[in-house]
N, C-alpha and C. Protein backbone atom coordinates (compact mmCIF):
# COMPACT_ATOMS: atom_id res chain seq x y z
N MET A 1 19.14 25.66 4.27
CA MET A 1 19.38 25.82 5.68
C MET A 1 19.56 27.29 6.01
N GLU A 2 19.21 27.64 7.17
CA GLU A 2 19.46 29.00 7.61
C GLU A 2 20.94 29.17 7.89
N MET A 3 21.44 30.35 7.63
CA MET A 3 22.86 30.61 7.81
C MET A 3 23.31 30.39 9.24
N ARG A 4 22.47 30.69 10.22
CA ARG A 4 22.91 30.50 11.61
C ARG A 4 23.12 29.02 11.91
N VAL A 5 22.32 28.13 11.31
CA VAL A 5 22.51 26.69 11.50
C VAL A 5 23.83 26.25 10.87
N VAL A 6 24.09 26.73 9.67
CA VAL A 6 25.34 26.38 8.98
C VAL A 6 26.54 26.86 9.80
N LEU A 7 26.49 28.11 10.23
CA LEU A 7 27.61 28.65 11.02
C LEU A 7 27.79 27.90 12.33
N ARG A 8 26.69 27.54 12.98
CA ARG A 8 26.80 26.79 14.23
C ARG A 8 27.49 25.46 14.00
N ARG A 9 27.12 24.75 12.93
CA ARG A 9 27.74 23.45 12.63
C ARG A 9 29.23 23.59 12.35
N ILE A 10 29.59 24.62 11.61
CA ILE A 10 31.01 24.85 11.32
C ILE A 10 31.78 25.15 12.59
N LEU A 11 31.25 26.05 13.41
CA LEU A 11 31.96 26.47 14.62
C LEU A 11 31.98 25.41 15.71
N GLU A 12 31.08 24.42 15.65
CA GLU A 12 31.13 23.31 16.59
C GLU A 12 32.33 22.41 16.31
N ARG A 13 32.81 22.41 15.06
CA ARG A 13 33.83 21.46 14.64
C ARG A 13 35.22 22.05 14.44
N THR A 14 35.33 23.36 14.46
CA THR A 14 36.62 23.97 14.17
C THR A 14 36.79 25.27 14.95
N GLU A 15 37.96 25.83 14.84
CA GLU A 15 38.27 27.11 15.46
C GLU A 15 38.67 28.07 14.35
N VAL A 16 38.22 29.29 14.43
CA VAL A 16 38.64 30.30 13.47
C VAL A 16 39.19 31.49 14.23
N LEU A 17 40.21 32.11 13.65
CA LEU A 17 40.86 33.26 14.25
C LEU A 17 40.85 34.40 13.25
N PRO A 18 40.82 35.65 13.72
CA PRO A 18 40.86 36.76 12.77
C PRO A 18 42.20 36.81 12.04
N ALA A 19 42.17 37.14 10.76
CA ALA A 19 43.41 37.22 9.98
C ALA A 19 44.19 38.48 10.32
N LYS A 20 43.51 39.49 10.81
CA LYS A 20 44.20 40.71 11.23
C LYS A 20 43.62 41.17 12.56
N GLN A 21 44.40 41.94 13.29
CA GLN A 21 43.97 42.37 14.62
C GLN A 21 43.18 43.68 14.61
N ASP A 22 43.30 44.46 13.53
CA ASP A 22 42.58 45.73 13.45
C ASP A 22 41.08 45.48 13.29
N PRO A 23 40.25 46.25 13.99
CA PRO A 23 38.81 46.07 13.81
C PRO A 23 38.36 46.50 12.42
N ASP A 24 37.38 45.80 11.87
CA ASP A 24 36.84 46.12 10.56
C ASP A 24 35.78 47.20 10.69
N LYS A 25 35.60 47.97 9.64
CA LYS A 25 34.53 48.97 9.62
C LYS A 25 33.20 48.25 9.45
N VAL A 26 32.18 48.77 10.11
CA VAL A 26 30.86 48.13 10.05
C VAL A 26 29.88 49.03 9.32
N GLU A 27 28.79 48.41 8.87
CA GLU A 27 27.70 49.14 8.24
C GLU A 27 26.38 48.50 8.65
N PHE A 28 25.32 49.26 8.57
CA PHE A 28 23.99 48.71 8.85
C PHE A 28 23.51 47.94 7.64
N ARG A 29 22.99 46.74 7.88
CA ARG A 29 22.33 45.94 6.85
C ARG A 29 20.99 45.52 7.42
N ALA A 30 19.96 46.16 6.93
CA ALA A 30 18.60 45.96 7.47
C ALA A 30 18.62 46.38 8.93
N ILE A 31 18.49 45.44 9.87
CA ILE A 31 18.46 45.80 11.29
C ILE A 31 19.69 45.30 12.02
N THR A 32 20.72 44.87 11.29
CA THR A 32 21.93 44.34 11.93
C THR A 32 23.15 45.14 11.51
N LEU A 33 24.21 44.98 12.27
CA LEU A 33 25.51 45.53 11.91
C LEU A 33 26.34 44.41 11.31
N ALA A 34 27.06 44.70 10.24
CA ALA A 34 27.88 43.69 9.57
C ALA A 34 29.18 44.33 9.11
N PRO A 35 30.23 43.53 8.96
CA PRO A 35 31.48 44.07 8.45
C PRO A 35 31.29 44.62 7.03
N ARG A 36 31.80 45.81 6.77
CA ARG A 36 31.60 46.46 5.46
C ARG A 36 32.19 45.63 4.33
N ASP A 37 33.39 45.12 4.49
CA ASP A 37 34.07 44.40 3.40
C ASP A 37 34.24 42.92 3.68
N GLY A 38 33.44 42.36 4.59
CA GLY A 38 33.62 40.96 4.96
C GLY A 38 34.77 40.82 5.95
N VAL A 39 35.01 39.62 6.41
CA VAL A 39 36.07 39.38 7.38
C VAL A 39 36.84 38.14 6.96
N LEU A 40 38.15 38.26 6.92
CA LEU A 40 38.99 37.10 6.64
C LEU A 40 39.34 36.41 7.95
N VAL A 41 39.29 35.08 7.95
CA VAL A 41 39.65 34.31 9.14
C VAL A 41 40.66 33.23 8.76
N ILE A 42 41.34 32.74 9.76
CA ILE A 42 42.30 31.65 9.60
C ILE A 42 41.78 30.44 10.36
N GLN A 43 41.85 29.29 9.72
CA GLN A 43 41.47 28.03 10.36
C GLN A 43 42.78 27.29 10.64
N PRO A 44 43.26 27.30 11.89
CA PRO A 44 44.59 26.75 12.18
C PRO A 44 44.72 25.24 12.04
N ARG A 45 43.62 24.51 12.10
CA ARG A 45 43.70 23.05 11.96
C ARG A 45 42.41 22.53 11.33
N PRO A 46 42.44 21.32 10.79
CA PRO A 46 41.23 20.75 10.17
C PRO A 46 40.09 20.60 11.17
N PRO A 47 38.85 20.54 10.68
CA PRO A 47 37.70 20.36 11.57
C PRO A 47 37.75 19.02 12.30
N VAL A 48 37.17 19.00 13.48
CA VAL A 48 37.03 17.78 14.27
C VAL A 48 35.90 16.96 13.65
N LEU A 49 36.03 15.65 13.64
CA LEU A 49 34.98 14.79 13.09
C LEU A 49 33.70 14.92 13.90
N SER A 50 32.58 14.86 13.22
CA SER A 50 31.30 14.93 13.90
C SER A 50 30.99 13.58 14.55
N GLU A 51 29.93 13.56 15.34
CA GLU A 51 29.52 12.31 15.99
C GLU A 51 29.09 11.26 14.98
N ARG A 52 28.70 11.70 13.78
CA ARG A 52 28.26 10.76 12.74
C ARG A 52 29.43 10.10 12.03
N GLY A 53 30.65 10.57 12.30
CA GLY A 53 31.81 9.92 11.71
C GLY A 53 32.43 10.66 10.56
N GLY A 54 31.81 11.71 10.05
CA GLY A 54 32.38 12.49 8.97
C GLY A 54 32.64 13.90 9.43
N SER A 55 33.41 14.64 8.67
CA SER A 55 33.69 16.01 9.07
C SER A 55 32.45 16.88 8.98
N THR A 56 31.50 16.54 8.12
CA THR A 56 30.27 17.32 8.00
C THR A 56 29.03 16.50 8.30
N GLY A 57 29.15 15.18 8.31
CA GLY A 57 27.98 14.35 8.50
C GLY A 57 27.23 14.11 7.21
N ALA A 58 27.65 14.77 6.13
CA ALA A 58 26.97 14.63 4.85
C ALA A 58 27.40 13.34 4.15
N GLN A 59 26.49 12.76 3.40
CA GLN A 59 26.77 11.56 2.64
C GLN A 59 27.04 11.94 1.20
N PRO A 60 28.00 11.30 0.52
CA PRO A 60 28.24 11.63 -0.89
C PRO A 60 27.05 11.22 -1.76
N LEU A 61 26.83 12.00 -2.81
CA LEU A 61 25.73 11.67 -3.72
C LEU A 61 26.08 10.51 -4.63
N ALA A 62 27.34 10.37 -4.99
CA ALA A 62 27.77 9.30 -5.88
C ALA A 62 29.18 8.88 -5.51
N THR A 63 29.52 7.64 -5.83
CA THR A 63 30.86 7.14 -5.57
C THR A 63 31.67 7.24 -6.85
N PRO A 64 32.87 7.89 -6.78
CA PRO A 64 33.70 7.97 -8.00
C PRO A 64 34.13 6.59 -8.47
N VAL A 65 34.24 6.43 -9.77
CA VAL A 65 34.61 5.15 -10.37
C VAL A 65 36.08 5.11 -10.63
């Protein structure tokens, strides 16, 4: 999957907040700007269930015995 699809699915179901208020330093990566050292976020509550009934909509590959 493309990363934007993955991020969209995650952000549709949950809220994320920055772990710190100070802006992060940025750098050029190809033609985009990105955080130099990544960004930490806080997820204050569990994700909302999807319309399919699961938190991700994914089906398990096997059932534990």
